[in-house]
């Protein structure tokens, strides 16, 4: 059944399905760190069938590809307010971005420090790189260069921007065959390899207003299945072949782009579960804090209650811990950041818009009138 409140009206910049996706992805990452639902707990792994069931089930939830989907969503959300080439107040843009992202990061670092973790910001063992924050570090690089990207986009078609970045990504990944993971590459090389994925989110932001609704439940289920299969393939190739995820994650990002696009299109006719939309509001805190939450629970020495109950207790504790962090730290930072207005009222005079079919609706009308006048 369609919920009219879940369908974004023209000009609105909030898509409930994106919030629901955020929670799903953050939960996926968290479960990859503390364990998936113990469906086959107690199965005799010494038997071939038992081993196949237990290992097969655990391999279905690999966290890294979920982070790659976050890159698509990040590009989408950053570019969405500027998809019609609104002018950008650069200083206020940086202030808003860093307020929104870095205050929760600082809060997470304080909690890690209070728990006795050694905090090292620079060097090979930086906590910003040897933790879930590695993806945030890459995103900070993308945020930093976004004003330049917006300047280029006003003058160039997407093909002229994305094609060189994809070639650079593939070429750089190919020159690093011995890298076991992104942590071996460092933040700048990793950011280059994954930049095309972030750019695809920007492309989606420009196309979202003209995106036709997806009314087929079968098609969205197939899209979700393909996304999961891509996630599983990245895992299998990384652990059971010479092809590491440093070589495959950019290509998985292309698949993730189509999945997110289909979810948005399907969200125009079907509402996302309200509890997932609500939880998506604090999914950033869940992503940041599930590690400290797990460590806190370990120090509490909770007695073993069986695989199922322990999983439920762990998941409940992690979610509660993350929500408290959201309420005390993330939400205030978000509310403060929203007060910083980053869009100017005057649009650039020279913005590349390509063929008439790529115009926003209002610009297509103006172009049509101009053509009739000239004729």
Foldseek 3Di string as FASTA:
>chain_A
DFDQVQADDPPDQDHLLLLLLLQVLLVLQLCLVVHDQPPLPPQDCVDPVSVCVRVVVNLLRHNPLSLLLVLLQLLQNVQLVCLQQFDWQLVLLVVLVCLQPVQLVVVLVVLCVVVPDDADCDDLPHPCCPALNLSVLLVVVCSVCVVVVSVVQQPDPVCVVLVVLQVQLQVLLVVPLPDLDVSVVDNPNLSSNSVSLNVLSNVCSNCLVVQAADQDPVVLVVLVVVLSVLSSVQSCCSPPHSDHNSNVSNVSSVSSSVNVSNSSSPSNGHPDPPVSSVLSVLSVLLNSCLVVQVVVVVVVCDDDPDSNVVVVVSVVSSSVVSVVSCVVTNVVSNVVSVVRDTGDPDGDPRGDQPDLVSRDPVVNVVVVVVVVVVD
